[in-house]
């Protein structure tokens, strides 16, 4: 009984620093966290994504807006972006992932035409 009380006390003490922590500081290590959609790095990733897709499709694609952005720190950074684009005079919602490696090189991991699920 004494052992269980000590374990419970230790667990409570370890969790105290996280009580009432601001949301922007309570990030999940290795997980995606909200990013400011006007952040310079987010905008660069979005422009890279739509330029890469435009060249791949050989069609006229233009970026209308960044609807939402999340970032994941890995060996580099992943940017998960929800974009509104104009593709052949048609408005589409796109979910894309752009990877920025440690040498500051971008690559397009995915591009899916789908509505923002979050």
N, C-alpha and C. Protein backbone atom coordinates (compact mmCIF):
# COMPACT_ATOMS: atom_id res chain seq x y z
N UNK A 1 0.82 -1.18 0.00
CA UNK A 1 0.00 0.00 0.00
C UNK A 1 0.87 1.25 0.00
N UNK A 2 1.92 1.22 0.82
CA UNK A 2 2.84 2.35 0.91
C UNK A 2 3.53 2.59 -0.44
N UNK A 3 3.88 1.50 -1.13
CA UNK A 3 4.54 1.57 -2.43
C UNK A 3 3.62 2.24 -3.46
N UNK A 4 2.34 1.84 -3.50
CA UNK A 4 1.37 2.42 -4.45
C UNK A 4 1.19 3.91 -4.21
N UNK A 5 1.17 4.32 -2.95
CA UNK A 5 1.03 5.74 -2.64
C UNK A 5 2.23 6.52 -3.15
N UNK A 6 3.42 5.98 -2.99
CA UNK A 6 4.63 6.67 -3.46
C UNK A 6 4.62 6.80 -4.99
N UNK A 7 4.23 5.73 -5.68
CA UNK A 7 4.18 5.76 -7.14
C UNK A 7 3.16 6.80 -7.60
N UNK A 8 1.99 6.82 -6.96
CA UNK A 8 0.96 7.80 -7.32
C UNK A 8 1.45 9.22 -7.06
N UNK A 9 2.13 9.44 -5.95
CA UNK A 9 2.66 10.75 -5.62
C UNK A 9 3.70 11.21 -6.64
N UNK A 10 4.55 10.31 -7.05
CA UNK A 10 5.58 10.62 -8.05
C UNK A 10 4.93 10.98 -9.39
N UNK A 11 3.92 10.21 -9.80
CA UNK A 11 3.24 10.49 -11.06
C UNK A 11 2.55 11.84 -11.04
N UNK A 12 1.93 12.19 -9.93
CA UNK A 12 1.28 13.49 -9.81
C UNK A 12 2.33 14.60 -9.87
N UNK A 13 3.43 14.43 -9.19
CA UNK A 13 4.49 15.44 -9.18
C UNK A 13 5.07 15.65 -10.58
N UNK A 14 5.23 14.56 -11.33
CA UNK A 14 5.78 14.67 -12.68
C UNK A 14 4.81 15.35 -13.64
N UNK A 15 3.52 15.25 -13.39
CA UNK A 15 2.54 15.85 -14.30
C UNK A 15 2.27 17.32 -14.00
N UNK A 16 2.65 17.82 -12.84
CA UNK A 16 2.37 19.20 -12.46
C UNK A 16 2.90 20.25 -13.44
N UNK A 17 4.10 20.09 -14.00
CA UNK A 17 4.57 21.13 -14.93
C UNK A 17 3.69 21.28 -16.18
N UNK A 18 2.87 20.28 -16.50
CA UNK A 18 2.06 20.33 -17.71
C UNK A 18 0.65 20.85 -17.47
N UNK A 19 0.29 21.08 -16.21
CA UNK A 19 -1.03 21.60 -15.89
C UNK A 19 -1.07 23.09 -16.27
N UNK A 20 -2.11 23.48 -16.98
CA UNK A 20 -2.31 24.87 -17.43
C UNK A 20 -1.19 25.38 -18.34
N UNK A 21 -0.52 24.49 -19.03
CA UNK A 21 0.52 24.89 -19.96
C UNK A 21 -0.14 25.47 -21.21
N UNK A 22 0.35 26.59 -21.72
CA UNK A 22 -0.21 27.15 -22.95
C UNK A 22 -0.16 26.12 -24.08
N UNK A 23 -1.18 26.14 -24.95
CA UNK A 23 -1.30 25.14 -26.00
C UNK A 23 -0.09 25.11 -26.92
N UNK A 24 0.48 26.28 -27.22
CA UNK A 24 1.62 26.31 -28.14
C UNK A 24 2.88 25.70 -27.54
N UNK A 25 2.93 25.55 -26.22
CA UNK A 25 4.09 24.91 -25.58
C UNK A 25 3.86 23.43 -25.34
N UNK A 26 2.63 23.00 -25.34
CA UNK A 26 2.30 21.60 -25.07
C UNK A 26 2.31 20.82 -26.39
N UNK A 27 3.45 20.71 -26.99
CA UNK A 27 3.57 20.05 -28.28
C UNK A 27 3.92 18.59 -28.10
N UNK A 28 3.46 17.79 -29.04
CA UNK A 28 3.73 16.37 -29.00
C UNK A 28 5.06 16.13 -29.71
N UNK A 29 6.05 15.59 -28.99
CA UNK A 29 7.34 15.32 -29.64
C UNK A 29 7.16 14.35 -30.81
N UNK A 30 7.67 14.72 -31.98
CA UNK A 30 7.58 13.87 -33.16
C UNK A 30 6.25 13.96 -33.88
N UNK A 31 5.27 14.62 -33.28
CA UNK A 31 3.96 14.74 -33.91
C UNK A 31 3.82 16.07 -34.63
N UNK A 32 2.73 16.20 -35.37
CA UNK A 32 2.46 17.47 -36.04
C UNK A 32 1.90 18.47 -35.04
N UNK A 33 2.32 19.71 -35.16
CA UNK A 33 1.84 20.80 -34.32
C UNK A 33 1.40 21.94 -35.22
N UNK A 34 0.43 22.70 -34.78
CA UNK A 34 -0.06 23.84 -35.56
C UNK A 34 1.07 24.79 -35.90
N UNK A 35 1.01 25.32 -37.09
CA UNK A 35 1.98 26.32 -37.55
C UNK A 35 1.21 27.52 -38.07
N UNK A 36 1.81 28.68 -37.97
CA UNK A 36 1.21 29.91 -38.47
C UNK A 36 1.20 29.86 -40.00
N UNK A 37 0.04 29.96 -40.60
CA UNK A 37 -0.06 29.85 -42.06
C UNK A 37 0.56 31.03 -42.79
N UNK A 38 0.91 32.10 -42.06
CA UNK A 38 1.59 33.23 -42.68
C UNK A 38 3.10 33.19 -42.45
N UNK A 39 3.58 32.18 -41.72
CA UNK A 39 5.01 32.03 -41.46
C UNK A 39 5.76 31.89 -42.78
N UNK A 40 6.91 32.54 -42.88
CA UNK A 40 7.71 32.56 -44.10
C UNK A 40 8.06 31.14 -44.57
N UNK A 41 8.41 30.24 -43.67
CA UNK A 41 8.76 28.87 -44.05
C UNK A 41 7.54 28.09 -44.55
N UNK A 42 6.39 28.33 -43.96
CA UNK A 42 5.14 27.68 -44.40
C UNK A 42 4.80 28.16 -45.81
N UNK A 43 4.91 29.45 -46.05
CA UNK A 43 4.61 30.01 -47.37
C UNK A 43 5.58 29.45 -48.42
N UNK A 44 6.85 29.34 -48.08
CA UNK A 44 7.83 28.76 -49.02
C UNK A 44 7.48 27.32 -49.35
N UNK A 45 7.09 26.55 -48.33
CA UNK A 45 6.71 25.15 -48.55
C UNK A 45 5.48 25.06 -49.44
N UNK A 46 4.50 25.92 -49.23
CA UNK A 46 3.29 25.93 -50.05
C UNK A 46 3.61 26.28 -51.50
N UNK A 47 4.44 27.28 -51.70
CA UNK A 47 4.82 27.67 -53.06
C UNK A 47 5.59 26.55 -53.75
N UNK A 48 6.47 25.88 -53.00
CA UNK A 48 7.20 24.75 -53.57
C UNK A 48 6.22 23.66 -54.01
N UNK A 49 5.26 23.35 -53.14
CA UNK A 49 4.30 22.29 -53.44
C UNK A 49 3.51 22.58 -54.72
N UNK A 50 2.94 23.77 -54.81
CA UNK A 50 2.11 24.02 -55.99
C UNK A 50 2.95 24.20 -57.25
N UNK A 51 4.17 24.74 -57.15
CA UNK A 51 5.05 24.82 -58.33
C UNK A 51 5.46 23.44 -58.82
N UNK A 52 5.79 22.56 -57.89
CA UNK A 52 6.17 21.19 -58.25
C UNK A 52 5.00 20.46 -58.91
N UNK A 53 3.81 20.60 -58.33
CA UNK A 53 2.64 19.94 -58.90
C UNK A 53 2.27 20.54 -60.26
N UNK A 54 2.44 21.83 -60.40
CA UNK A 54 2.16 22.50 -61.69
C UNK A 54 3.06 21.94 -62.79
N UNK A 55 4.34 21.78 -62.49
CA UNK A 55 5.27 21.22 -63.47
C UNK A 55 4.96 19.76 -63.77
N UNK A 56 4.57 19.02 -62.74
CA UNK A 56 4.25 17.60 -62.91
C UNK A 56 3.02 17.42 -63.79
N UNK A 57 1.99 18.22 -63.55
CA UNK A 57 0.74 18.08 -64.31
C UNK A 57 0.77 18.82 -65.64
N UNK A 58 1.73 19.75 -65.78
CA UNK A 58 1.81 20.60 -66.97
C UNK A 58 0.49 21.33 -67.20
N UNK A 59 -0.05 21.83 -66.10
CA UNK A 59 -1.30 22.59 -66.15
C UNK A 59 -1.11 23.88 -65.39
N UNK A 60 -2.07 24.75 -65.60
CA UNK A 60 -2.06 26.02 -64.90
C UNK A 60 -2.66 25.83 -63.50
N UNK A 61 -1.81 25.89 -62.48
CA UNK A 61 -2.25 25.81 -61.10
C UNK A 61 -1.78 27.09 -60.41
N UNK A 62 -2.69 27.71 -59.68
CA UNK A 62 -2.28 28.88 -58.90
C UNK A 62 -2.75 28.71 -57.46
N UNK A 63 -1.96 29.24 -56.56
CA UNK A 63 -2.26 29.16 -55.13
C UNK A 63 -3.20 30.30 -54.76
N UNK A 64 -4.36 29.97 -54.22
CA UNK A 64 -5.30 30.98 -53.77
C UNK A 64 -5.03 31.33 -52.31
N UNK A 65 -4.95 30.29 -51.46
CA UNK A 65 -4.71 30.55 -50.04
C UNK A 65 -4.20 29.31 -49.33
N UNK A 66 -3.54 29.56 -48.21
CA UNK A 66 -3.15 28.50 -47.29
C UNK A 66 -4.23 28.48 -46.22
N UNK A 67 -4.98 27.42 -46.16
CA UNK A 67 -6.10 27.34 -45.24
C UNK A 67 -5.66 26.94 -43.83
N UNK A 68 -4.67 26.07 -43.76
CA UNK A 68 -4.18 25.59 -42.47
C UNK A 68 -2.80 25.00 -42.68
N UNK A 69 -1.98 25.01 -41.60
CA UNK A 69 -0.63 24.46 -41.70
C UNK A 69 -0.25 23.79 -40.39
N UNK A 70 0.49 22.70 -40.52
CA UNK A 70 1.08 22.02 -39.37
C UNK A 70 2.52 21.67 -39.72
N UNK A 71 3.34 21.58 -38.69
CA UNK A 71 4.75 21.26 -38.90
C UNK A 71 5.15 20.12 -37.98
N UNK A 72 6.01 19.25 -38.47
CA UNK A 72 6.55 18.14 -37.70
C UNK A 72 8.06 18.19 -37.81
N UNK A 73 8.73 18.17 -36.65
CA UNK A 73 10.18 18.16 -36.65
C UNK A 73 10.64 16.71 -36.70
N UNK A 74 11.39 16.38 -37.73
CA UNK A 74 11.99 15.06 -37.91
C UNK A 74 13.46 15.33 -38.21
N UNK A 75 14.10 14.52 -38.99
CA UNK A 75 15.44 14.85 -39.47
C UNK A 75 15.23 15.87 -40.59
N UNK A 76 14.90 17.06 -40.21
CA UNK A 76 14.42 18.11 -41.10
C UNK A 76 13.03 18.49 -40.61
N UNK A 77 12.16 18.89 -41.54
CA UNK A 77 10.79 19.27 -41.16
C UNK A 77 9.80 18.81 -42.21
N UNK A 78 8.64 18.35 -41.76
CA UNK A 78 7.51 18.08 -42.63
C UNK A 78 6.49 19.19 -42.43
N UNK A 79 5.97 19.71 -43.53
CA UNK A 79 4.90 20.68 -43.48
C UNK A 79 3.67 20.03 -44.09
N UNK A 80 2.63 19.88 -43.28
CA UNK A 80 1.36 19.40 -43.79
C UNK A 80 0.50 20.64 -44.00
N UNK A 81 0.05 20.81 -45.23
CA UNK A 81 -0.63 22.03 -45.62
C UNK A 81 -1.98 21.74 -46.25
N UNK A 82 -2.95 22.55 -45.90
CA UNK A 82 -4.26 22.50 -46.53
C UNK A 82 -4.37 23.76 -47.37
N UNK A 83 -4.42 23.58 -48.68
CA UNK A 83 -4.36 24.69 -49.61
C UNK A 83 -5.66 24.80 -50.41
N UNK A 84 -5.95 26.02 -50.83
CA UNK A 84 -7.00 26.24 -51.81
C UNK A 84 -6.27 26.68 -53.07
N UNK A 85 -6.49 25.93 -54.17
CA UNK A 85 -5.80 26.21 -55.42
C UNK A 85 -6.81 26.34 -56.56
N UNK A 86 -6.35 26.97 -57.61
CA UNK A 86 -7.14 27.04 -58.83
C UNK A 86 -6.43 26.17 -59.86
N UNK A 87 -7.11 25.12 -60.30
CA UNK A 87 -6.53 24.16 -61.23
C UNK A 87 -7.41 24.11 -62.47
N UNK A 88 -6.90 24.61 -63.59
CA UNK A 88 -7.67 24.69 -64.84
C UNK A 88 -9.03 25.36 -64.62
N UNK A 89 -9.00 26.53 -64.02
CA UNK A 89 -10.19 27.34 -63.74
C UNK A 89 -11.17 26.67 -62.79
N UNK A 90 -10.71 25.69 -62.04
CA UNK A 90 -11.56 25.00 -61.07
C UNK A 90 -10.93 25.16 -59.68
N UNK A 91 -11.73 25.60 -58.69
CA UNK A 91 -11.24 25.76 -57.32
C UNK A 91 -11.22 24.38 -56.66
N UNK A 92 -10.07 24.04 -56.06
CA UNK A 92 -9.92 22.75 -55.38
C UNK A 92 -9.31 22.96 -54.01
N UNK A 93 -9.64 22.05 -53.10
CA UNK A 93 -8.96 22.01 -51.81
C UNK A 93 -7.98 20.84 -51.88
N UNK A 94 -6.77 21.11 -51.41
CA UNK A 94 -5.69 20.14 -51.52
C UNK A 94 -5.02 19.96 -50.16
N UNK A 95 -4.69 18.72 -49.85
CA UNK A 95 -3.86 18.42 -48.69
C UNK A 95 -2.52 17.96 -49.23
N UNK A 96 -1.46 18.57 -48.75
CA UNK A 96 -0.13 18.25 -49.25
C UNK A 96 0.87 18.16 -48.10
N UNK A 97 1.92 17.39 -48.31
CA UNK A 97 3.02 17.30 -47.35
C UNK A 97 4.30 17.63 -48.09
N UNK A 98 5.04 18.57 -47.53
CA UNK A 98 6.33 18.99 -48.10
C UNK A 98 7.40 18.71 -47.05
N UNK A 99 8.48 18.06 -47.49
CA UNK A 99 9.59 17.74 -46.60
C UNK A 99 10.74 18.69 -46.88
N UNK A 100 11.30 19.27 -45.83
CA UNK A 100 12.49 20.12 -45.92
C UNK A 100 13.61 19.40 -45.20
N UNK A 101 14.63 18.96 -45.95
CA UNK A 101 15.70 18.18 -45.31
C UNK A 101 16.71 19.09 -44.61
N UNK A 102 17.70 18.48 -44.00
CA UNK A 102 18.68 19.24 -43.21
C UNK A 102 19.58 20.11 -44.08
N UNK A 103 19.64 19.84 -45.37
CA UNK A 103 20.42 20.67 -46.30
C UNK A 103 19.54 21.76 -46.92
N UNK A 104 18.31 21.95 -46.37
CA UNK A 104 17.38 22.97 -46.83
C UNK A 104 16.86 22.72 -48.25
N UNK A 105 16.73 21.42 -48.62
CA UNK A 105 16.16 21.04 -49.92
C UNK A 105 14.74 20.55 -49.70
N UNK A 106 13.82 21.03 -50.53
CA UNK A 106 12.41 20.65 -50.43
C UNK A 106 12.13 19.43 -51.31
N UNK A 107 11.15 18.64 -50.88
CA UNK A 107 10.61 17.59 -51.74
C UNK A 107 9.13 17.45 -51.43
N UNK A 108 8.36 17.12 -52.46
CA UNK A 108 6.92 16.97 -52.31
C UNK A 108 6.62 15.51 -51.98
N UNK A 109 6.11 15.27 -50.78
CA UNK A 109 5.80 13.91 -50.34
C UNK A 109 4.42 13.45 -50.79
N UNK A 110 3.45 14.36 -50.77
CA UNK A 110 2.11 13.98 -51.22
C UNK A 110 1.33 15.21 -51.66
N UNK A 111 0.34 14.96 -52.52
CA UNK A 111 -0.56 15.99 -53.02
C UNK A 111 -1.89 15.29 -53.28
N UNK A 112 -2.90 15.60 -52.47
CA UNK A 112 -4.20 14.95 -52.60
C UNK A 112 -5.29 16.01 -52.71
N UNK A 113 -6.14 15.86 -53.70
CA UNK A 113 -7.29 16.74 -53.83
C UNK A 113 -8.35 16.19 -52.89
N UNK A 114 -8.59 16.92 -51.80
CA UNK A 114 -9.58 16.52 -50.80
C UNK A 114 -9.87 17.70 -49.88
N UNK A 115 -11.02 17.68 -49.27
CA UNK A 115 -11.40 18.75 -48.35
C UNK A 115 -10.60 18.63 -47.06
N UNK A 116 -10.39 19.75 -46.44
CA UNK A 116 -9.70 19.79 -45.15
C UNK A 116 -10.53 19.03 -44.12
N UNK A 117 -9.94 18.01 -43.52
CA UNK A 117 -10.67 17.16 -42.58
C UNK A 117 -10.61 17.66 -41.16
N UNK A 118 -9.80 18.64 -40.89
CA UNK A 118 -9.63 19.11 -39.51
C UNK A 118 -10.19 20.49 -39.33
